[in-house]
Amino acid sequence: MNHPTRHLLRLLAILILLVPAPAVAGDETSPPKAADLVQDGQGIDLTSPRYHGLFKELRLRHQFDQEELERLFRDAVISRRVLELMDTQWEAQPYYRYYPRFITAQTIRDGKRLLAEHRELLDRVEREIGVEREVVVAIWGIETRFGAVEGGFNVFRTLNTLFDAYPRRRDFARTQLIEFLLLCRENGVDPLTVKGSYAGAFGQTQFIPSSFRAYAVDFNQDGRIDVWQSTEDILASIANYLHRFGWVFRTPVYRELGPELKDPRLQAAFEAGRKAKVEWQAVRSAQQVELPAPPGDQELTIVGLEVDDKGAMRYIAGYPNFQAITAWNNSNRYAMAVTELAEQLAR
């Protein structure tokens, strides 16, 4: 190769190094997060097509008048903090770190005190709805520390923020906005005053609006459903939610399977998550443990719980009652924390 050719190739190599590489998924050129595109307190464009469609449905299908809608929405603004929290990827803590957040000596003391204080009410909840009192009170404690922590976000602002500025949850937020306005109208609640979580859950039950309308009950029969102040409605609504998702009174919630899974079918079910189920007889045979028959011979989920930071595991079979708790919160760790807090309360 002659000298001019070598010089030309060397020059081309330098030029190639200077040209930026094309962007790839996950590098610094990834799309901005929703919170980066707005200012806190930024006004919402109520003339946009999505709001035009929302208002039309509220007027024609749900009989809200235009004057009322203008009053409710005229000061609607974005909450940047809601978007920041929605964009934060929360990595689940291992169970040995997770449950101590909820099962504390103070929570157990408070729970036992409230079990005694509301004994007659909980007798009625068990009798009429069919969910054990300790489970109801455990969820009450984990969700809001028995009503002490209900969330400080304005729910109406939160739902408008998600509808206007968070495309991934826009359809969800639109549905919840409508459900929220309906439940407020039905129960005499001012929509502009309700506080809750950054995801739109509220009250001592931490229901989202659609869950409130589907599962909350007027247990004291005063003509309105109050999950903020009425202990009767709060406890009965928690129980009713579980009942509607298949809770069966006085049947198992879970059973221990040991520190390892002894069958590929069980391992596959564990890895597939809470929707994968196995016949209870197969679980019993594989693990060589005594398992009571589930109601209706329903199938079981296989749950793994981290015991320590060295990789040790504790495996359990999740019965239909356990699965009902995961319908409340899509987390096996949550369901187990509820169950073990309930066990502590029952002692």
Protein backbone atom coordinates (compact mmCIF):
# COMPACT_ATOMS: atom_id res chain seq x y z
CA MET A 1 0.00 0.00 0.00
CA ASN A 2 1.48 3.37 -1.04
CA HIS A 3 1.85 6.32 1.34
CA PRO A 4 -1.05 8.46 -0.01
CA THR A 5 -3.46 5.51 0.41
CA ARG A 6 -2.35 4.85 3.99
CA HIS A 7 -2.75 8.54 4.77
CA LEU A 8 -6.28 8.57 3.35
CA LEU A 9 -7.36 5.49 5.35
CA ARG A 10 -5.94 6.98 8.53
CA LEU A 11 -7.93 10.17 7.91
CA LEU A 12 -11.16 8.21 7.34
CA ALA A 13 -10.66 6.29 10.59
CA ILE A 14 -10.30 9.54 12.52
CA LEU A 15 -13.46 10.93 10.93
CA ILE A 16 -15.43 7.78 11.85
CA LEU A 17 -14.39 8.14 15.49
CA LEU A 18 -15.65 11.71 15.50
CA VAL A 19 -19.13 10.87 14.21
CA PRO A 20 -21.61 10.32 17.11
CA ALA A 21 -22.92 6.78 17.48
CA PRO A 22 -26.65 6.33 16.90
CA ALA A 23 -28.80 6.42 20.02
CA VAL A 24 -29.74 3.09 21.55
CA ALA A 25 -32.47 2.21 23.99
CA GLY A 26 -31.54 3.01 27.54
CA ASP A 27 -28.79 5.56 26.86
CA GLU A 28 -28.74 9.24 27.80
CA THR A 29 -30.95 10.11 24.82
CA SER A 30 -33.96 8.21 26.22
CA PRO A 31 -37.23 10.20 26.25
CA PRO A 32 -37.70 12.71 29.07
CA LYS A 33 -39.86 11.73 32.01
CA ALA A 34 -43.33 13.19 32.33
CA ALA A 35 -42.29 15.44 35.21
CA ASP A 36 -39.56 17.02 33.05
CA LEU A 37 -42.12 18.33 30.56
CA VAL A 38 -44.23 20.43 32.92
CA GLN A 39 -44.02 22.99 35.68
CA ASP A 40 -45.64 22.49 39.07
CA GLY A 41 -48.92 24.40 39.15
CA GLN A 42 -49.07 24.61 35.37
CA GLY A 43 -52.62 25.18 34.17
CA ILE A 44 -54.43 22.47 32.25
CA ASP A 45 -55.83 23.20 28.79
CA LEU A 46 -59.52 22.48 29.29
CA THR A 47 -60.20 23.16 25.60
CA SER A 48 -58.10 20.17 24.49
CA PRO A 49 -59.87 17.31 22.70
CA ARG A 50 -59.46 14.96 25.65
CA TYR A 51 -61.14 17.37 28.07
CA HIS A 52 -63.79 18.24 25.49
CA GLY A 53 -64.64 14.51 25.31
CA LEU A 54 -64.55 14.11 29.09
CA PHE A 55 -66.92 17.05 29.66
CA LYS A 56 -69.27 15.80 26.96
CA GLU A 57 -69.52 12.39 28.65
CA LEU A 58 -70.02 13.93 32.08
CA ARG A 59 -72.85 16.11 30.73
CA LEU A 60 -74.66 13.65 28.50
CA ARG A 61 -74.15 10.35 30.30
CA HIS A 62 -73.89 11.42 33.93
CA GLN A 63 -76.00 14.62 33.94
CA PHE A 64 -73.39 17.07 35.24
CA ASP A 65 -74.32 20.59 34.18
CA GLN A 66 -71.86 22.89 32.48
CA GLU A 67 -71.81 25.42 35.31
CA GLU A 68 -70.85 22.74 37.81
CA LEU A 69 -68.07 21.42 35.57
CA GLU A 70 -66.68 24.92 35.09
CA ARG A 71 -66.62 25.44 38.85
CA LEU A 72 -64.84 22.15 39.49
CA PHE A 73 -62.25 22.31 36.71
CA ARG A 74 -61.53 26.03 36.28
CA ASP A 75 -58.52 25.96 38.62
CA ALA A 76 -57.20 22.52 37.59
CA VAL A 77 -53.40 22.48 37.59
CA ILE A 78 -50.58 19.97 37.31
CA SER A 79 -48.88 18.41 40.33
CA ARG A 80 -45.29 17.82 39.29
CA ARG A 81 -44.66 15.77 42.43
CA VAL A 82 -47.32 13.26 41.39
CA LEU A 83 -45.54 12.76 38.08
CA GLU A 84 -42.16 12.40 39.80
CA LEU A 85 -43.50 9.68 42.07
CA MET A 86 -45.24 7.87 39.22
CA ASP A 87 -41.99 7.87 37.24
CA THR A 88 -39.94 6.51 40.12
CA GLN A 89 -39.20 2.86 39.59
CA TRP A 90 -39.71 1.35 43.04
CA GLU A 91 -37.84 -1.88 43.46
CA ALA A 92 -39.56 -4.28 45.83
CA GLN A 93 -37.68 -4.89 49.01
CA PRO A 94 -37.02 -8.53 49.97
CA TYR A 95 -39.54 -9.83 52.44
CA TYR A 96 -37.17 -9.79 55.42
CA ARG A 97 -36.88 -6.03 54.93
CA TYR A 98 -40.45 -5.45 53.78
CA TYR A 99 -42.54 -6.84 56.62
CA PRO A 100 -40.85 -4.90 59.49
CA ARG A 101 -42.21 -1.71 57.97
CA PHE A 102 -45.72 -2.90 58.80
CA ILE A 103 -45.48 -5.47 61.58
CA THR A 104 -44.22 -3.46 64.51
CA ALA A 105 -44.79 -3.71 68.23
CA GLN A 106 -46.78 -0.46 68.13
CA THR A 107 -49.00 -1.64 65.28
CA ILE A 108 -49.71 -4.89 67.11
CA ARG A 109 -50.58 -3.02 70.32
CA ASP A 110 -52.84 -0.58 68.49
CA GLY A 111 -54.47 -3.36 66.52
CA LYS A 112 -55.28 -5.39 69.62
CA ARG A 113 -56.70 -2.31 71.32
CA LEU A 114 -58.95 -1.61 68.34
CA LEU A 115 -60.06 -5.24 68.15
CA ALA A 116 -61.30 -4.92 71.72
CA GLU A 117 -62.75 -1.44 71.20
CA HIS A 118 -64.78 -2.50 68.15
CA ARG A 119 -65.60 -6.04 69.25
CA GLU A 120 -69.35 -5.77 68.68
CA LEU A 121 -68.91 -4.13 65.28
CA LEU A 122 -66.44 -6.81 64.21
CA ASP A 123 -68.81 -9.52 65.46
CA ARG A 124 -71.35 -8.13 63.00
CA VAL A 125 -68.79 -7.86 60.17
CA GLU A 126 -67.84 -11.51 60.62
CA ARG A 127 -71.46 -12.60 60.87
CA GLU A 128 -72.82 -10.65 57.90
CA ILE A 129 -69.83 -10.48 55.52
CA GLY A 130 -67.73 -13.45 56.56
CA VAL A 131 -64.15 -12.17 56.89
CA GLU A 132 -62.10 -12.68 60.05
CA ARG A 133 -61.73 -9.58 62.19
CA GLU A 134 -57.95 -9.83 62.54
CA VAL A 135 -57.49 -9.72 58.75
CA VAL A 136 -59.77 -6.70 58.42
CA VAL A 137 -57.93 -4.82 61.16
CA ALA A 138 -54.53 -5.85 59.75
CA ILE A 139 -55.36 -4.28 56.37
CA TRP A 140 -56.66 -1.17 58.14
CA GLY A 141 -53.36 -0.91 60.00
CA ILE A 142 -51.13 -1.50 56.99
CA GLU A 143 -53.02 0.85 54.68
CA THR A 144 -53.33 3.91 56.91
CA ARG A 145 -52.02 3.10 60.40
CA PHE A 146 -55.67 2.79 61.48
CA GLY A 147 -56.58 6.10 59.88
CA ALA A 148 -53.58 8.13 61.00
CA VAL A 149 -51.96 8.36 57.54
CA GLU A 150 -54.37 8.78 54.62
CA GLY A 151 -52.13 10.73 52.22
CA GLY A 152 -51.66 14.44 51.60
CA PHE A 153 -52.32 14.75 47.86
CA ASN A 154 -55.46 16.41 46.55
CA VAL A 155 -57.18 13.53 44.74
CA PHE A 156 -58.93 15.71 42.15
CA ARG A 157 -55.64 17.40 41.25
CA THR A 158 -53.86 14.04 41.17
CA LEU A 159 -56.35 12.48 38.75
CA ASN A 160 -56.32 15.55 36.49
CA THR A 161 -52.52 15.47 36.48
CA LEU A 162 -52.46 11.85 35.39
CA PHE A 163 -55.17 12.40 32.79
CA ASP A 164 -53.53 15.43 31.25
CA ALA A 165 -49.80 14.80 31.63
CA TYR A 166 -49.16 11.09 32.14
CA PRO A 167 -49.99 9.20 28.93
CA ARG A 168 -49.25 5.72 30.33
CA ARG A 169 -52.06 6.11 32.88
CA ARG A 170 -54.34 8.42 30.91
CA ASP A 171 -57.15 5.93 30.29
CA PHE A 172 -57.04 4.79 33.91
CA ALA A 173 -57.12 8.39 35.15
CA ARG A 174 -60.06 9.30 32.91
CA THR A 175 -62.10 6.40 34.28
CA GLN A 176 -61.14 7.25 37.85
CA LEU A 177 -61.97 10.94 37.39
CA ILE A 178 -65.50 10.06 36.34
CA GLU A 179 -65.90 7.51 39.13
CA PHE A 180 -64.54 10.03 41.64
CA LEU A 181 -67.01 12.73 40.65
CA LEU A 182 -69.87 10.25 40.78
CA LEU A 183 -68.97 8.91 44.23
CA CYS A 184 -68.61 12.44 45.58
CA ARG A 185 -72.03 13.40 44.24
CA GLU A 186 -73.63 10.20 45.55
CA ASN A 187 -72.20 10.65 49.05
CA GLY A 188 -72.30 14.41 49.51
CA VAL A 189 -68.53 14.92 49.36
CA ASP A 190 -66.84 18.02 47.90
CA PRO A 191 -64.46 16.68 45.21
CA LEU A 192 -62.05 19.56 45.74
CA THR A 193 -61.37 18.67 49.39
CA VAL A 194 -60.51 14.96 49.30
CA LYS A 195 -56.92 14.03 50.13
CA GLY A 196 -55.20 10.75 49.35
CA SER A 197 -52.18 9.07 47.78
CA TYR A 198 -50.22 10.18 44.72
CA ALA A 199 -51.96 7.41 42.75
CA GLY A 200 -55.47 8.58 43.62
CA ALA A 201 -56.38 6.26 46.52
CA PHE A 202 -58.11 7.82 49.51
CA GLY A 203 -59.77 7.33 52.87
CA GLN A 204 -58.88 4.91 55.63
CA THR A 205 -59.43 2.06 53.16
CA GLN A 206 -57.21 3.61 50.45
CA PHE A 207 -59.68 2.66 47.73
CA ILE A 208 -59.30 4.09 44.24
CA PRO A 209 -62.61 5.60 43.06
CA SER A 210 -63.78 2.61 41.02
CA SER A 211 -63.10 0.26 43.95
CA PHE A 212 -65.02 2.57 46.26
CA ARG A 213 -68.08 2.46 44.02
CA ALA A 214 -67.82 -1.30 43.53
CA TYR A 215 -67.01 -2.52 47.03
CA ALA A 216 -67.51 0.15 49.72
CA VAL A 217 -70.66 -0.26 51.80
CA ASP A 218 -72.93 1.87 53.96
CA PHE A 219 -72.72 -0.42 56.96
CA ASN A 220 -74.22 2.03 59.44
CA GLN A 221 -77.10 2.70 57.03
CA ASP A 222 -77.01 6.48 57.30
CA GLY A 223 -77.52 6.98 53.57
CA ARG A 224 -73.90 7.65 52.61
CA ILE A 225 -70.67 5.66 52.39
CA ASP A 226 -67.99 7.24 54.54
CA VAL A 227 -64.51 5.65 54.42
CA TRP A 228 -62.99 8.71 56.08
CA GLN A 229 -64.72 8.89 59.47
CA SER A 230 -67.22 6.02 59.85
CA THR A 231 -65.49 3.04 61.43
CA GLU A 232 -68.52 0.92 60.56
CA ASP A 233 -68.23 1.71 56.85
CA ILE A 234 -64.42 1.44 56.87
CA LEU A 235 -64.21 -2.03 58.40
CA ALA A 236 -67.18 -3.43 56.51
CA SER A 237 -65.86 -2.07 53.21
CA ILE A 238 -62.49 -3.78 53.72
CA ALA A 239 -64.27 -7.03 54.49
CA ASN A 240 -66.64 -6.68 51.56
CA TYR A 241 -63.76 -6.21 49.13
CA LEU A 242 -62.15 -9.47 50.25
CA HIS A 243 -65.50 -11.24 50.24
CA ARG A 244 -66.18 -10.14 46.68
CA PHE A 245 -62.83 -11.62 45.62
CA GLY A 246 -63.60 -15.02 47.04
CA TRP A 247 -62.68 -14.94 50.72
CA VAL A 248 -64.09 -17.94 52.57
CA PHE A 249 -64.54 -17.61 56.33
CA ARG A 250 -62.49 -19.91 58.56
CA THR A 251 -60.53 -21.54 55.74
CA PRO A 252 -56.73 -21.50 55.30
CA VAL A 253 -54.85 -18.48 54.02
CA TYR A 254 -51.52 -20.22 53.41
CA ARG A 255 -49.43 -23.23 54.32
CA GLU A 256 -45.66 -23.60 54.66
CA LEU A 257 -43.86 -25.59 51.95
CA GLY A 258 -40.30 -25.48 53.26
CA PRO A 259 -37.01 -23.86 52.18
CA GLU A 260 -36.97 -25.31 48.65
CA LEU A 261 -39.32 -26.39 45.88
CA LYS A 262 -38.98 -30.04 44.92
CA ASP A 263 -40.83 -30.14 41.62
CA PRO A 264 -40.26 -28.21 38.36
CA ARG A 265 -44.00 -27.49 38.14
CA LEU A 266 -43.88 -25.64 41.45
CA GLN A 267 -40.73 -23.77 40.48
CA ALA A 268 -42.34 -22.72 37.20
CA ALA A 269 -45.47 -21.53 39.02
CA PHE A 270 -43.37 -19.53 41.48
CA GLU A 271 -41.41 -17.87 38.67
CA ALA A 272 -44.57 -17.12 36.68
CA GLY A 273 -46.11 -15.09 39.51
CA ARG A 274 -49.41 -14.91 41.29
CA LYS A 275 -51.58 -15.80 38.30
CA ALA A 276 -49.95 -19.21 37.91
CA LYS A 277 -51.67 -21.90 39.96
CA VAL A 278 -51.15 -25.55 40.78
CA GLU A 279 -53.56 -28.26 41.92
CA TRP A 280 -53.30 -28.62 45.67
CA GLN A 281 -52.86 -32.40 45.47
CA ALA A 282 -49.81 -31.90 43.22
CA VAL A 283 -48.31 -29.46 45.72
CA ARG A 284 -48.91 -31.87 48.59
CA SER A 285 -47.34 -34.76 46.69
CA ALA A 286 -44.31 -32.80 45.48
CA GLN A 287 -43.44 -31.20 48.82
CA GLN A 288 -44.46 -34.14 51.01
CA VAL A 289 -46.39 -31.87 53.38
CA GLU A 290 -49.88 -32.04 54.84
CA LEU A 291 -52.20 -29.64 53.05
CA PRO A 292 -55.90 -29.20 53.80
CA ALA A 293 -58.16 -29.15 50.76
CA PRO A 294 -58.97 -25.62 49.57
CA PRO A 295 -62.63 -24.59 49.26
CA GLY A 296 -64.01 -26.16 46.11
CA ASP A 297 -60.66 -27.85 45.44
CA GLN A 298 -59.39 -24.58 43.97
CA GLU A 299 -55.78 -24.30 42.89
CA LEU A 300 -52.94 -22.76 44.91
CA THR A 301 -50.29 -20.18 44.12
CA ILE A 302 -46.63 -20.79 44.94
CA VAL A 303 -45.02 -17.92 46.81
CA GLY A 304 -41.36 -17.37 47.66
CA LEU A 305 -40.33 -15.04 50.49
CA GLU A 306 -36.76 -13.90 51.06
CA VAL A 307 -35.51 -14.89 54.51
CA ASP A 308 -32.12 -13.15 54.62
CA ASP A 309 -29.47 -11.47 52.48
CA LYS A 310 -27.73 -14.79 51.80
CA GLY A 311 -30.40 -16.05 49.41
CA ALA A 312 -32.35 -18.31 51.76
CA MET A 313 -36.01 -18.65 50.84
CA ARG A 314 -39.24 -19.62 52.53
CA TYR A 315 -41.91 -21.06 50.25
CA ILE A 316 -45.63 -21.10 50.95
CA ALA A 317 -48.79 -22.23 49.21
CA GLY A 318 -51.22 -19.37 48.75
CA TYR A 319 -54.83 -20.50 49.27
CA PRO A 320 -57.84 -18.67 47.75
CA ASN A 321 -57.97 -16.39 50.80
CA PHE A 322 -54.35 -15.38 50.18
CA GLN A 323 -55.23 -14.76 46.55
CA ALA A 324 -58.10 -12.50 47.66
CA ILE A 325 -55.59 -10.29 49.51
CA THR A 326 -53.44 -10.05 46.37
CA ALA A 327 -56.55 -8.83 44.54
CA TRP A 328 -56.49 -5.91 46.98
CA ASN A 329 -52.79 -5.26 46.41
CA ASN A 330 -50.95 -7.05 43.61
CA SER A 331 -48.09 -8.16 45.84
CA ASN A 332 -47.38 -11.47 47.53
CA ARG A 333 -45.23 -9.65 50.08
CA TYR A 334 -48.15 -7.39 50.96
CA ALA A 335 -50.50 -10.36 51.31
CA MET A 336 -48.06 -12.17 53.58
CA ALA A 337 -47.50 -9.08 55.73
CA VAL A 338 -51.29 -8.74 56.16
CA THR A 339 -51.54 -12.43 57.05
CA GLU A 340 -48.71 -12.42 59.57
CA LEU A 341 -49.93 -9.21 61.19
CA ALA A 342 -53.36 -10.81 61.49
CA GLU A 343 -51.74 -13.83 63.16
CA GLN A 344 -50.04 -11.54 65.67
CA LEU A 345 -53.33 -9.78 66.39
CA ALA A 346 -55.06 -13.11 67.01
CA ARG A 347 -52.60 -14.16 69.74
